[in-house]
Amino acid sequence: MTTSDRWRPILALIVLSSIWGYTWVLAKHGLDYSPPFAFAAERCVGSAAALFIALRLTGRRFTLVAPGQTLGIALTQVAAFMIFQTWALVEGGPGKTAVLIFTMPIWTLLLGWPILGERVRGKQWLAAACTLGGLLLIIEPWNLHTSLLSKCLGLLAALSWAIGTILVKRLRARTSVDLLTLTAWQMALGSLPLILLALVVPERATDWTWSYAGILGFMSVFSTALCWWLWIYILDRVPAWEASLSVLGTPVVAILSSRLTFGEAFKTSEVAGILLIGGGLALLSLFGWIASRRWPRLDEGSAASAPGPVARMPQQEHYQATRGDGVGERVGHARP
């Protein structure tokens, strides 16, 4: 990968983490106007509509590719994740239980090794240890004053997200599919169980005001439609475990925005956790940058001019990456 290719996912992660982090503050305000399950269904429906409009404006096809696999992604990464996340918030509130969702990188790392063959190697363990250690300091699992049900729901949301992540990686490894189209159908199919649940579960009616319309519009278009597309874009370009660790910038932004918005004091463990996560993310970027400079691109050097099939470089994997327009191109992803 070239240096510019390496920095695009990093820029996408910065945008995603910033928006998703501030979403927790907006969600707290949004729940003042709408009940939890209705709120989840409304934002997903609005997101699906925005994505299909984007497909139309960009001239992409609406064709559903790999319907079975796309349905599996929709049911895990959208429907199950949103249901368990919302239920956890109802049972335990938006405190430490909600942050349990960000144990997702642990499950992704455990599942990605046997299923995808993505292993953490060498110095990458240092980055993983820093980010996961920072996460533990923020969550404080030894000090969760919530019900067992709420904790289990938060973990189920994290597991659902991790399974959806693995399914996206498997689909992209086997099938050529436009990323925006995949995101649109994922959101549309995942919205159906949420709509059904909102109709079945007895809840108060949504208080439709201009303030709520603004919150819902931002969360539908930016925090759901745009960010889920960015998430799939990132997964298409880096290993699942690395993308999952990188998204831990989200709880950091969430804590900072929450404390600044509501005038809350920072705890020592939170500051230490934020510093560890920031250090781990910096190490991930540094190791990736070193790896991109260590190995030449396929069209450069002796490997490109060698006769016959291109020889596989030591500790380097070649995989099929797809640009946003759906056209595949082979690139090298170097592993240190």
C-alpha atoms as a PDB file:
ATOM      1  CA  MET A   1       0.000   0.000   0.000  1.00  0.00           C
ATOM      2  CA  THR A   2       1.193   3.521  -0.724  1.00  0.00           C
ATOM      3  CA  THR A   3       1.383   6.080   2.056  1.00  0.00           C
ATOM      4  CA  SER A   4      -1.763   7.815   0.762  1.00  0.00           C
ATOM      5  CA  ASP A   5      -3.618   4.481   0.665  1.00  0.00           C
ATOM      6  CA  ARG A   6      -2.657   3.903   4.279  1.00  0.00           C
ATOM      7  CA  TRP A   7      -3.817   7.330   5.466  1.00  0.00           C
ATOM      8  CA  ARG A   8      -7.283   7.149   3.886  1.00  0.00           C
ATOM      9  CA  PRO A   9      -8.612   4.552   6.382  1.00  0.00           C
ATOM     10  CA  ILE A  10      -7.029   6.558   9.206  1.00  0.00           C
ATOM     11  CA  LEU A  11      -8.829   9.708   8.073  1.00  0.00           C
ATOM     12  CA  ALA A  12     -12.062   7.707   7.779  1.00  0.00           C
ATOM     13  CA  LEU A  13     -11.557   6.421  11.345  1.00  0.00           C
ATOM     14  CA  ILE A  14     -11.046   9.945  12.671  1.00  0.00           C
ATOM     15  CA  VAL A  15     -14.322  11.093  11.068  1.00  0.00           C
ATOM     16  CA  LEU A  16     -16.174   7.954  12.208  1.00  0.00           C
ATOM     17  CA  SER A  17     -14.928   8.104  15.806  1.00  0.00           C
ATOM     18  CA  SER A  18     -15.701  11.825  16.087  1.00  0.00           C
ATOM     19  CA  ILE A  19     -19.281  11.444  14.833  1.00  0.00           C
ATOM     20  CA  TRP A  20     -20.030   8.201  16.692  1.00  0.00           C
ATOM     21  CA  GLY A  21     -18.514   9.603  19.876  1.00  0.00           C
ATOM     22  CA  TYR A  22     -20.728  12.683  19.853  1.00  0.00           C
ATOM     23  CA  THR A  23     -23.717  10.504  18.915  1.00  0.00           C
ATOM     24  CA  TRP A  24     -23.943   9.339  22.540  1.00  0.00           C
ATOM     25  CA  VAL A  25     -24.668  12.911  23.624  1.00  0.00           C
ATOM     26  CA  LEU A  26     -27.278  13.359  20.886  1.00  0.00           C
ATOM     27  CA  ALA A  27     -28.854   9.990  21.686  1.00  0.00           C
ATOM     28  CA  LYS A  28     -29.354  11.079  25.282  1.00  0.00           C
ATOM     29  CA  HIS A  29     -31.240  14.154  24.041  1.00  0.00           C
ATOM     30  CA  GLY A  30     -33.128  12.162  21.403  1.00  0.00           C
ATOM     31  CA  LEU A  31     -34.531   9.754  24.001  1.00  0.00           C
ATOM     32  CA  ASP A  32     -36.279  12.735  25.627  1.00  0.00           C
ATOM     33  CA  TYR A  33     -38.502  12.935  22.535  1.00  0.00           C
ATOM     34  CA  SER A  34     -38.803   9.319  21.411  1.00  0.00           C
ATOM     35  CA  PRO A  35     -38.943   5.925  23.192  1.00  0.00           C
ATOM     36  CA  PRO A  36     -35.869   3.679  22.767  1.00  0.00           C
ATOM     37  CA  PHE A  37     -37.021   1.089  20.228  1.00  0.00           C
ATOM     38  CA  ALA A  38     -38.957   3.604  18.136  1.00  0.00           C
ATOM     39  CA  PHE A  39     -35.882   5.850  18.134  1.00  0.00           C
ATOM     40  CA  ALA A  40     -33.698   2.967  16.877  1.00  0.00           C
ATOM     41  CA  ALA A  41     -36.195   2.080  14.131  1.00  0.00           C
ATOM     42  CA  GLU A  42     -36.647   5.705  13.032  1.00  0.00           C
ATOM     43  CA  ARG A  43     -32.923   6.405  12.692  1.00  0.00           C
ATOM     44  CA  CYS A  44     -32.313   3.160  10.747  1.00  0.00           C
ATOM     45  CA  VAL A  45     -35.214   3.808   8.371  1.00  0.00           C
ATOM     46  CA  GLY A  46     -33.975   7.357   7.810  1.00  0.00           C
ATOM     47  CA  SER A  47     -30.470   6.010   7.235  1.00  0.00           C
ATOM     48  CA  ALA A  48     -31.646   3.463   4.657  1.00  0.00           C
ATOM     49  CA  ALA A  49     -33.569   6.188   2.813  1.00  0.00           C
ATOM     50  CA  ALA A  50     -30.494   8.459   2.770  1.00  0.00           C
ATOM     51  CA  LEU A  51     -28.292   5.634   1.446  1.00  0.00           C
ATOM     52  CA  PHE A  52     -30.665   4.734  -1.403  1.00  0.00           C
ATOM     53  CA  ILE A  53     -30.896   8.413  -2.333  1.00  0.00           C
ATOM     54  CA  ALA A  54     -27.094   8.470  -2.430  1.00  0.00           C
ATOM     55  CA  LEU A  55     -27.138   5.406  -4.704  1.00  0.00           C
ATOM     56  CA  ARG A  56     -29.501   7.164  -7.079  1.00  0.00           C
ATOM     57  CA  LEU A  57     -27.524  10.426  -7.103  1.00  0.00           C
ATOM     58  CA  THR A  58     -24.237   8.605  -7.806  1.00  0.00           C
ATOM     59  CA  GLY A  59     -25.726   6.469 -10.564  1.00  0.00           C
ATOM     60  CA  ARG A  60     -25.088   3.155  -8.834  1.00  0.00           C
ATOM     61  CA  ARG A  61     -27.269   0.099  -9.311  1.00  0.00           C
ATOM     62  CA  PHE A  62     -29.749  -1.004  -6.666  1.00  0.00           C
ATOM     63  CA  THR A  63     -29.015  -4.699  -7.318  1.00  0.00           C
ATOM     64  CA  LEU A  64     -28.822  -6.818  -4.170  1.00  0.00           C
ATOM     65  CA  VAL A  65     -25.680  -8.966  -4.474  1.00  0.00           C
ATOM     66  CA  ALA A  66     -25.271 -12.071  -2.263  1.00  0.00           C
ATOM     67  CA  PRO A  67     -28.693 -11.696  -0.589  1.00  0.00           C
ATOM     68  CA  GLY A  68     -28.156 -14.460   1.964  1.00  0.00           C
ATOM     69  CA  GLN A  69     -24.850 -13.093   3.224  1.00  0.00           C
ATOM     70  CA  THR A  70     -26.133  -9.508   3.170  1.00  0.00           C
ATOM     71  CA  LEU A  71     -29.159 -10.587   5.241  1.00  0.00           C
ATOM     72  CA  GLY A  72     -26.826 -12.208   7.780  1.00  0.00           C
ATOM     73  CA  ILE A  73     -24.839  -8.958   8.063  1.00  0.00           C
ATOM     74  CA  ALA A  74     -28.046  -6.941   8.407  1.00  0.00           C
ATOM     75  CA  LEU A  75     -29.464  -9.164  11.153  1.00  0.00           C
ATOM     76  CA  THR A  76     -26.256  -9.148  13.224  1.00  0.00           C
ATOM     77  CA  GLN A  77     -24.540  -5.813  12.601  1.00  0.00           C
ATOM     78  CA  VAL A  78     -27.732  -3.722  12.417  1.00  0.00           C
ATOM     79  CA  ALA A  79     -30.811  -5.439  13.892  1.00  0.00           C
ATOM     80  CA  ALA A  80     -29.271  -7.475  16.747  1.00  0.00           C
ATOM     81  CA  PHE A  81     -26.727  -4.778  17.580  1.00  0.00           C
ATOM     82  CA  MET A  82     -29.351  -2.020  17.768  1.00  0.00           C
ATOM     83  CA  ILE A  83     -31.819  -4.191  19.706  1.00  0.00           C
ATOM     84  CA  PHE A  84     -29.312  -5.301  22.352  1.00  0.00           C
ATOM     85  CA  GLN A  85     -27.789  -1.832  22.578  1.00  0.00           C
ATOM     86  CA  THR A  86     -31.181  -0.177  23.083  1.00  0.00           C
ATOM     87  CA  TRP A  87     -32.342  -2.838  25.546  1.00  0.00           C
ATOM     88  CA  ALA A  88     -29.126  -2.432  27.551  1.00  0.00           C
ATOM     89  CA  LEU A  89     -29.725   1.322  27.748  1.00  0.00           C
ATOM     90  CA  VAL A  90     -33.286   0.692  28.984  1.00  0.00           C
ATOM     91  CA  GLU A  91     -32.167  -1.772  31.667  1.00  0.00           C
ATOM     92  CA  GLY A  92     -29.017  -0.054  32.856  1.00  0.00           C
ATOM     93  CA  GLY A  93     -28.983   3.488  31.553  1.00  0.00           C
ATOM     94  CA  PRO A  94     -26.346   5.145  29.379  1.00  0.00           C
ATOM     95  CA  GLY A  95     -23.473   4.661  31.816  1.00  0.00           C
ATOM     96  CA  LYS A  96     -20.847   1.949  32.059  1.00  0.00           C
ATOM     97  CA  THR A  97     -23.157  -0.687  30.580  1.00  0.00           C
ATOM     98  CA  ALA A  98     -23.288   1.119  27.248  1.00  0.00           C
ATOM     99  CA  VAL A  99     -19.492   1.211  27.133  1.00  0.00           C
ATOM    100  CA  LEU A 100     -19.476  -2.609  27.348  1.00  0.00           C
ATOM    101  CA  ILE A 101     -20.419  -2.471  23.669  1.00  0.00           C
ATOM    102  CA  PHE A 102     -16.836  -1.474  22.968  1.00  0.00           C
ATOM    103  CA  THR A 103     -15.566  -4.857  24.089  1.00  0.00           C
ATOM    104  CA  MET A 104     -16.289  -5.631  20.411  1.00  0.00           C
ATOM    105  CA  PRO A 105     -12.557  -5.560  19.468  1.00  0.00           C
ATOM    106  CA  ILE A 106     -11.879  -8.431  21.882  1.00  0.00           C
ATOM    107  CA  TRP A 107     -14.535 -10.637  20.247  1.00  0.00           C
ATOM    108  CA  THR A 108     -13.398  -9.619  16.765  1.00  0.00           C
ATOM    109  CA  LEU A 109      -9.800 -10.503  17.572  1.00  0.00           C
ATOM    110  CA  LEU A 110     -10.863 -13.907  18.960  1.00  0.00           C
ATOM    111  CA  LEU A 111     -13.171 -14.683  16.014  1.00  0.00           C
ATOM    112  CA  GLY A 112     -10.931 -13.257  13.292  1.00  0.00           C
ATOM    113  CA  TRP A 113      -8.004 -15.529  14.126  1.00  0.00           C
ATOM    114  CA  PRO A 114      -9.686 -18.928  13.415  1.00  0.00           C
ATOM    115  CA  ILE A 115     -12.249 -17.730  10.826  1.00  0.00           C
ATOM    116  CA  LEU A 116     -10.327 -15.179   8.761  1.00  0.00           C
ATOM    117  CA  GLY A 117      -6.778 -16.238   9.553  1.00  0.00           C
ATOM    118  CA  GLU A 118      -5.967 -12.679  10.700  1.00  0.00           C
ATOM    119  CA  ARG A 119      -3.313 -12.921  13.381  1.00  0.00           C
ATOM    120  CA  VAL A 120      -1.787 -10.266  15.579  1.00  0.00           C
ATOM    121  CA  ARG A 121       1.964 -10.438  15.039  1.00  0.00           C
ATOM    122  CA  GLY A 122       5.080  -9.110  16.732  1.00  0.00           C
ATOM    123  CA  LYS A 123       4.925  -5.489  17.849  1.00  0.00           C
ATOM    124  CA  GLN A 124       1.210  -5.321  16.956  1.00  0.00           C
ATOM    125  CA  TRP A 125       0.549  -7.012  20.313  1.00  0.00           C
ATOM    126  CA  LEU A 126       1.899  -3.893  22.042  1.00  0.00           C
ATOM    127  CA  ALA A 127      -0.678  -1.705  20.264  1.00  0.00           C
ATOM    128  CA  ALA A 128      -3.435  -4.216  21.055  1.00  0.00           C
ATOM    129  CA  ALA A 129      -2.440  -4.362  24.726  1.00  0.00           C
ATOM    130  CA  CYS A 130      -2.410  -0.554  25.016  1.00  0.00           C
ATOM    131  CA  THR A 131      -5.856  -0.051  23.463  1.00  0.00           C
ATOM    132  CA  LEU A 132      -7.533  -2.931  25.316  1.00  0.00           C
ATOM    133  CA  GLY A 133      -5.888  -1.886  28.600  1.00  0.00           C
ATOM    134  CA  GLY A 134      -7.181   1.646  28.122  1.00  0.00           C
ATOM    135  CA  LEU A 135     -10.649   0.254  27.411  1.00  0.00           C
ATOM    136  CA  LEU A 136     -10.632  -1.686  30.691  1.00  0.00           C
ATOM    137  CA  LEU A 137      -9.676   1.445  32.635  1.00  0.00           C
ATOM    138  CA  ILE A 138     -12.589   3.335  31.076  1.00  0.00           C
ATOM    139  CA  ILE A 139     -15.139   0.536  31.553  1.00  0.00           C
ATOM    140  CA  GLU A 140     -13.970  -0.389  35.083  1.00  0.00           C
ATOM    141  CA  PRO A 141     -15.531  -3.868  35.026  1.00  0.00           C
ATOM    142  CA  TRP A 142     -14.784  -4.150  38.749  1.00  0.00           C
ATOM    143  CA  ASN A 143     -17.050  -1.161  39.447  1.00  0.00           C
ATOM    144  CA  LEU A 144     -20.175  -1.694  37.294  1.00  0.00           C
ATOM    145  CA  HIS A 145     -23.181  -0.856  39.460  1.00  0.00           C
ATOM    146  CA  THR A 146     -25.743  -2.249  37.033  1.00  0.00           C
ATOM    147  CA  SER A 147     -27.887  -5.356  36.765  1.00  0.00           C
ATOM    148  CA  LEU A 148     -26.552  -8.630  35.405  1.00  0.00           C
ATOM    149  CA  LEU A 149     -29.131  -8.472  32.589  1.00  0.00           C
ATOM    150  CA  SER A 150     -27.877  -5.069  31.486  1.00  0.00           C
ATOM    151  CA  LYS A 151     -24.271  -6.290  31.441  1.00  0.00           C
ATOM    152  CA  CYS A 152     -25.228  -9.361  29.386  1.00  0.00           C
ATOM    153  CA  LEU A 153     -27.161  -7.234  26.889  1.00  0.00           C
ATOM    154  CA  GLY A 154     -24.206  -4.900  26.442  1.00  0.00           C
ATOM    155  CA  LEU A 155     -21.920  -7.877  25.786  1.00  0.00           C
ATOM    156  CA  LEU A 156     -24.443  -9.385  23.338  1.00  0.00           C
ATOM    157  CA  ALA A 157     -24.477  -6.082  21.429  1.00  0.00           C
ATOM    158  CA  ALA A 158     -20.678  -6.188  21.230  1.00  0.00           C
ATOM    159  CA  LEU A 159     -20.725  -9.820  20.088  1.00  0.00           C
ATOM    160  CA  SER A 160     -23.345  -9.061  17.425  1.00  0.00           C
ATOM    161  CA  TRP A 161     -21.210  -6.214  16.073  1.00  0.00           C
ATOM    162  CA  ALA A 162     -18.138  -8.486  16.018  1.00  0.00           C
ATOM    163  CA  ILE A 163     -19.983 -11.263  14.159  1.00  0.00           C
ATOM    164  CA  GLY A 164     -21.261  -8.729  11.618  1.00  0.00           C
ATOM    165  CA  THR A 165     -17.695  -7.483  11.163  1.00  0.00           C
ATOM    166  CA  ILE A 166     -16.456 -11.009  10.417  1.00  0.00           C
ATOM    167  CA  LEU A 167     -19.327 -11.588   7.967  1.00  0.00           C
ATOM    168  CA  VAL A 168     -18.472  -8.370   6.089  1.00  0.00           C
ATOM    169  CA  LYS A 169     -14.848  -9.450   5.743  1.00  0.00           C
ATOM    170  CA  ARG A 170     -15.876 -12.912   4.471  1.00  0.00           C
ATOM    171  CA  LEU A 171     -18.304 -11.450   1.948  1.00  0.00           C
ATOM    172  CA  ARG A 172     -15.755  -8.975   0.598  1.00  0.00           C
ATOM    173  CA  ALA A 173     -13.143 -11.730   0.308  1.00  0.00           C
ATOM    174  CA  ARG A 174     -15.421 -13.870  -1.893  1.00  0.00           C
ATOM    175  CA  THR A 175     -17.730 -11.487  -3.742  1.00  0.00           C
ATOM    176  CA  SER A 176     -17.300  -8.211  -5.616  1.00  0.00           C
ATOM    177  CA  VAL A 177     -19.956  -5.849  -4.272  1.00  0.00           C
ATOM    178  CA  ASP A 178     -20.170  -2.070  -4.222  1.00  0.00           C
ATOM    179  CA  LEU A 179     -19.635  -0.825  -0.671  1.00  0.00           C
ATOM    180  CA  LEU A 180     -22.353   1.828  -0.752  1.00  0.00           C
ATOM    181  CA  THR A 181     -24.878  -0.669  -2.145  1.00  0.00           C
ATOM    182  CA  LEU A 182     -23.942  -3.197   0.533  1.00  0.00           C
ATOM    183  CA  THR A 183     -24.393  -0.573   3.260  1.00  0.00           C
ATOM    184  CA  ALA A 184     -27.781   0.510   1.891  1.00  0.00           C
ATOM    185  CA  TRP A 185     -29.189  -3.021   1.733  1.00  0.00           C
ATOM    186  CA  GLN A 186     -27.678  -3.888   5.099  1.00  0.00           C
ATOM    187  CA  MET A 187     -29.468  -0.933   6.673  1.00  0.00           C
ATOM    188  CA  ALA A 188     -32.765  -1.565   4.836  1.00  0.00           C
ATOM    189  CA  LEU A 189     -32.945  -5.255   5.773  1.00  0.00           C
ATOM    190  CA  GLY A 190     -31.773  -4.589   9.322  1.00  0.00           C
ATOM    191  CA  SER A 191     -34.503  -1.971   9.792  1.00  0.00           C
ATOM    192  CA  LEU A 192     -37.321  -4.496   9.323  1.00  0.00           C
ATOM    193  CA  PRO A 193     -36.940  -6.306  12.709  1.00  0.00           C
ATOM    194  CA  LEU A 194     -36.554  -2.915  14.400  1.00  0.00           C
ATOM    195  CA  ILE A 195     -39.809  -1.646  12.888  1.00  0.00           C
ATOM    196  CA  LEU A 196     -41.599  -4.821  13.995  1.00  0.00           C
ATOM    197  CA  LEU A 197     -40.200  -4.537  17.519  1.00  0.00           C
ATOM    198  CA  ALA A 198     -41.203  -0.868  17.779  1.00  0.00           C
ATOM    199  CA  LEU A 199     -44.763  -1.805  16.802  1.00  0.00           C
ATOM    200  CA  VAL A 200     -44.982  -4.749  19.206  1.00  0.00           C
ATOM    201  CA  VAL A 201     -43.340  -3.324  22.337  1.00  0.00           C
ATOM    202  CA  PRO A 202     -45.706  -0.917  24.161  1.00  0.00           C
ATOM    203  CA  GLU A 203     -44.000   2.478  24.274  1.00  0.00           C
ATOM    204  CA  ARG A 204     -45.056   6.105  24.492  1.00  0.00           C
ATOM    205  CA  ALA A 205     -45.617   8.008  21.266  1.00  0.00           C
ATOM    206  CA  THR A 206     -42.782   9.982  19.664  1.00  0.00           C
ATOM    207  CA  ASP A 207     -42.907  13.711  20.369  1.00  0.00           C
ATOM    208  CA  TRP A 208     -42.314  15.112  16.879  1.00  0.00           C
ATOM    209  CA  THR A 209     -40.751  18.562  17.226  1.00  0.00           C
ATOM    210  CA  TRP A 210     -38.259  20.530  15.137  1.00  0.00           C
ATOM    211  CA  SER A 211     -35.562  19.797  17.713  1.00  0.00           C
ATOM    212  CA  TYR A 212     -36.168  16.054  17.480  1.00  0.00           C
ATOM    213  CA  ALA A 213     -36.305  16.242  13.680  1.00  0.00           C
ATOM    214  CA  GLY A 214     -32.849  17.846  13.696  1.00  0.00           C
ATOM    215  CA  ILE A 215     -31.431  15.216  16.039  1.00  0.00           C
ATOM    216  CA  LEU A 216     -32.994  12.380  14.042  1.00  0.00           C
ATOM    217  CA  GLY A 217     -31.788  13.859  10.753  1.00  0.00           C
ATOM    218  CA  PHE A 218     -28.189  14.109  11.967  1.00  0.00           C
ATOM    219  CA  MET A 219     -28.197  10.622  13.462  1.00  0.00           C
ATOM    220  CA  SER A 220     -29.829   9.073  10.381  1.00  0.00           C
ATOM    221  CA  VAL A 221     -27.636  10.708   7.735  1.00  0.00           C
ATOM    222  CA  PHE A 222     -24.301  11.109   9.512  1.00  0.00           C
ATOM    223  CA  SER A 223     -23.975   8.809  12.542  1.00  0.00           C
ATOM    224  CA  THR A 224     -25.797   5.883  10.895  1.00  0.00           C
ATOM    225  CA  ALA A 225     -25.681   6.103   7.079  1.00  0.00           C
ATOM    226  CA  LEU A 226     -22.300   7.808   6.640  1.00  0.00           C
ATOM    227  CA  CYS A 227     -20.540   6.108   9.548  1.00  0.00           C
ATOM    228  CA  TRP A 228     -21.668   2.578   8.707  1.00  0.00           C
ATOM    229  CA  TRP A 229     -20.484   3.148   5.133  1.00  0.00           C
ATOM    230  CA  LEU A 230     -17.149   4.396   6.494  1.00  0.00           C
ATOM    231  CA  TRP A 231     -16.969   1.350   8.759  1.00  0.00           C
ATOM    232  CA  ILE A 232     -17.382  -1.066   5.825  1.00  0.00           C
ATOM    233  CA  TYR A 233     -14.883   1.015   3.814  1.00  0.00           C
ATOM    234  CA  ILE A 234     -12.341   0.656   6.632  1.00  0.00           C
ATOM    235  CA  LEU A 235     -12.981  -3.088   6.981  1.00  0.00           C
ATOM    236  CA  ASP A 236     -12.331  -3.445   3.254  1.00  0.00           C
ATOM    237  CA  ARG A 237      -8.814  -2.042   3.644  1.00  0.00           C
ATOM    238  CA  VAL A 238      -7.391  -3.229   6.962  1.00  0.00           C
ATOM    239  CA  PRO A 239      -7.649  -6.468   8.994  1.00  0.00           C
ATOM    240  CA  ALA A 240     -10.823  -6.814  11.077  1.00  0.00           C
ATOM    241  CA  TRP A 241      -8.942  -6.835  14.395  1.00  0.00           C
ATOM    242  CA  GLU A 242      -7.060  -3.651  13.487  1.00  0.00           C
ATOM    243  CA  ALA A 243     -10.241  -1.826  12.426  1.00  0.00           C
ATOM    244  CA  SER A 244     -11.993  -2.944  15.612  1.00  0.00           C
ATOM    245  CA  LEU A 245      -9.185  -1.695  17.837  1.00  0.00           C
ATOM    246  CA  SER A 246      -9.032   1.586  15.933  1.00  0.00           C
ATOM    247  CA  VAL A 247     -12.725   2.303  16.532  1.00  0.00           C
ATOM    248  CA  LEU A 248     -11.942   2.533  20.263  1.00  0.00           C
ATOM    249  CA  GLY A 249     -11.402   6.213  19.598  1.00  0.00           C
ATOM    250  CA  THR A 250     -15.197   6.427  19.759  1.00  0.00           C
ATOM    251  CA  PRO A 251     -15.583   5.983  23.558  1.00  0.00           C
ATOM    252  CA  VAL A 252     -12.757   8.472  24.043  1.00  0.00           C
ATOM    253  CA  VAL A 253     -14.668  11.093  22.039  1.00  0.00           C
ATOM    254  CA  ALA A 254     -17.880  10.080  23.834  1.00  0.00           C
ATOM    255  CA  ILE A 255     -16.342  10.655  27.266  1.00  0.00           C
ATOM    256  CA  LEU A 256     -14.749  13.966  26.267  1.00  0.00           C
ATOM    257  CA  SER A 257     -17.931  15.319  24.651  1.00  0.00           C
ATOM    258  CA  SER A 258     -20.123  14.104  27.519  1.00  0.00           C
ATOM    259  CA  ARG A 259     -17.919  15.614  30.210  1.00  0.00           C
ATOM    260  CA  LEU A 260     -17.593  18.939  28.379  1.00  0.00           C
ATOM    261  CA  THR A 261     -21.294  19.140  27.450  1.00  0.00           C
ATOM    262  CA  PHE A 262     -22.679  18.288  30.881  1.00  0.00           C
ATOM    263  CA  GLY A 263     -19.854  19.790  32.962  1.00  0.00           C
ATOM    264  CA  GLU A 264     -18.857  16.460  34.521  1.00  0.00           C
ATOM    265  CA  ALA A 265     -15.471  15.906  36.162  1.00  0.00           C
ATOM    266  CA  PHE A 266     -12.921  13.514  34.662  1.00  0.00           C
ATOM    267  CA  LYS A 267     -11.834  10.488  36.683  1.00  0.00           C
ATOM    268  CA  THR A 268      -8.197   9.478  36.952  1.00  0.00           C
ATOM    269  CA  SER A 269      -8.882   6.045  35.454  1.00  0.00           C
ATOM    270  CA  GLU A 270     -10.653   7.668  32.483  1.00  0.00           C
ATOM    271  CA  VAL A 271      -7.708   9.971  31.774  1.00  0.00           C
ATOM    272  CA  ALA A 272      -5.304   7.021  31.974  1.00  0.00           C
ATOM    273  CA  GLY A 273      -7.557   4.959  29.709  1.00  0.00           C
ATOM    274  CA  ILE A 274      -7.794   7.757  27.145  1.00  0.00           C
ATOM    275  CA  LEU A 275      -3.994   8.107  27.083  1.00  0.00           C
ATOM    276  CA  LEU A 276      -3.510   4.345  26.660  1.00  0.00           C
ATOM    277  CA  ILE A 277      -6.048   4.122  23.840  1.00  0.00           C
ATOM    278  CA  GLY A 278      -4.495   7.126  22.130  1.00  0.00           C
ATOM    279  CA  GLY A 279      -1.051   5.550  22.455  1.00  0.00           C
ATOM    280  CA  GLY A 280      -2.300   2.232  21.085  1.00  0.00           C
ATOM    281  CA  LEU A 281      -3.930   3.891  18.086  1.00  0.00           C
ATOM    282  CA  ALA A 282      -0.744   5.858  17.412  1.00  0.00           C
ATOM    283  CA  LEU A 283       1.265   2.621  17.491  1.00  0.00           C
ATOM    284  CA  LEU A 284      -1.169   0.951  15.056  1.00  0.00           C
ATOM    285  CA  SER A 285      -0.709   3.833  12.625  1.00  0.00           C
ATOM    286  CA  LEU A 286       3.071   3.862  13.091  1.00  0.00           C
ATOM    287  CA  PHE A 287       3.463   0.120  12.516  1.00  0.00           C
ATOM    288  CA  GLY A 288       1.235   0.305   9.451  1.00  0.00           C
ATOM    289  CA  TRP A 289       3.233   3.235   8.039  1.00  0.00           C
ATOM    290  CA  ILE A 290       6.518   1.379   8.613  1.00  0.00           C
ATOM    291  CA  ALA A 291       5.113  -1.721   6.935  1.00  0.00           C
ATOM    292  CA  SER A 292       3.888   0.257   3.908  1.00  0.00           C
ATOM    293  CA  ARG A 293       7.405   1.650   3.405  1.00  0.00           C
ATOM    294  CA  ARG A 294       9.157  -1.646   4.079  1.00  0.00           C
ATOM    295  CA  TRP A 295       7.483  -3.610   1.274  1.00  0.00           C
ATOM    296  CA  PRO A 296       7.445  -2.312  -2.327  1.00  0.00           C
ATOM    297  CA  ARG A 297       4.224  -2.151  -4.300  1.00  0.00           C
ATOM    298  CA  LEU A 298       3.479  -4.950  -6.769  1.00  0.00           C
ATOM    299  CA  ASP A 299       4.158  -2.698  -9.770  1.00  0.00           C
ATOM    300  CA  GLU A 300       7.562  -1.649  -8.461  1.00  0.00           C
ATOM    301  CA  GLY A 301      10.895  -3.365  -7.927  1.00  0.00           C
ATOM    302  CA  SER A 302      12.007  -6.818  -8.865  1.00  0.00           C
ATOM    303  CA  ALA A 303       8.743  -8.513  -7.957  1.00  0.00           C
ATOM    304  CA  ALA A 304       6.897  -6.675 -10.706  1.00  0.00           C
ATOM    305  CA  SER A 305       9.569  -7.376 -13.327  1.00  0.00           C
ATOM    306  CA  ALA A 306      10.078 -11.011 -12.414  1.00  0.00           C
ATOM    307  CA  PRO A 307       8.970 -13.483 -15.105  1.00  0.00           C
ATOM    308  CA  GLY A 308       5.904 -15.628 -14.524  1.00  0.00           C
ATOM    309  CA  PRO A 309       3.573 -15.304 -11.521  1.00  0.00           C
ATOM    310  CA  VAL A 310       4.460 -12.723  -8.905  1.00  0.00           C
ATOM    311  CA  ALA A 311       6.224 -14.380  -5.994  1.00  0.00           C
ATOM    312  CA  ARG A 312       4.700 -13.904  -2.558  1.00  0.00           C
ATOM    313  CA  MET A 313       6.892 -11.739  -0.391  1.00  0.00           C
ATOM    314  CA  PRO A 314       7.745 -12.935   3.121  1.00  0.00           C
ATOM    315  CA  GLN A 315       5.110 -12.041   5.702  1.00  0.00           C
ATOM    316  CA  GLN A 316       3.029 -10.218   3.092  1.00  0.00           C
ATOM    317  CA  GLU A 317      -0.509 -11.042   2.034  1.00  0.00           C
ATOM    318  CA  HIS A 318      -2.191  -9.984  -1.202  1.00  0.00           C
ATOM    319  CA  TYR A 319      -5.928  -9.567  -1.151  1.00  0.00           C
ATOM    320  CA  GLN A 320      -8.643  -8.076  -3.293  1.00  0.00           C
ATOM    321  CA  ALA A 321      -9.625  -4.547  -2.288  1.00  0.00           C
ATOM    322  CA  THR A 322     -12.487  -2.691  -3.884  1.00  0.00           C
ATOM    323  CA  ARG A 323     -12.726   1.021  -4.440  1.00  0.00           C
ATOM    324  CA  GLY A 324     -15.904   2.928  -3.748  1.00  0.00           C
ATOM    325  CA  ASP A 325     -16.991   2.516  -7.396  1.00  0.00           C
ATOM    326  CA  GLY A 326     -16.970  -1.269  -7.043  1.00  0.00           C
ATOM    327  CA  VAL A 327     -13.994  -1.833  -9.370  1.00  0.00           C
ATOM    328  CA  GLY A 328     -11.571  -4.336  -7.905  1.00  0.00           C
ATOM    329  CA  GLU A 329      -7.840  -3.807  -7.805  1.00  0.00           C
ATOM    330  CA  ARG A 330      -5.171  -6.004  -6.298  1.00  0.00           C
ATOM    331  CA  VAL A 331      -3.021  -4.409  -3.648  1.00  0.00           C
ATOM    332  CA  GLY A 332      -0.506  -5.643  -1.108  1.00  0.00           C
ATOM    333  CA  HIS A 333      -1.191  -5.421   2.607  1.00  0.00           C
ATOM    334  CA  ALA A 334       2.053  -5.723   4.470  1.00  0.00           C
ATOM    335  CA  ARG A 335       2.256  -7.274   7.891  1.00  0.00           C
ATOM    336  CA  PRO A 336       5.231  -6.412  10.080  1.00  0.00           C
END
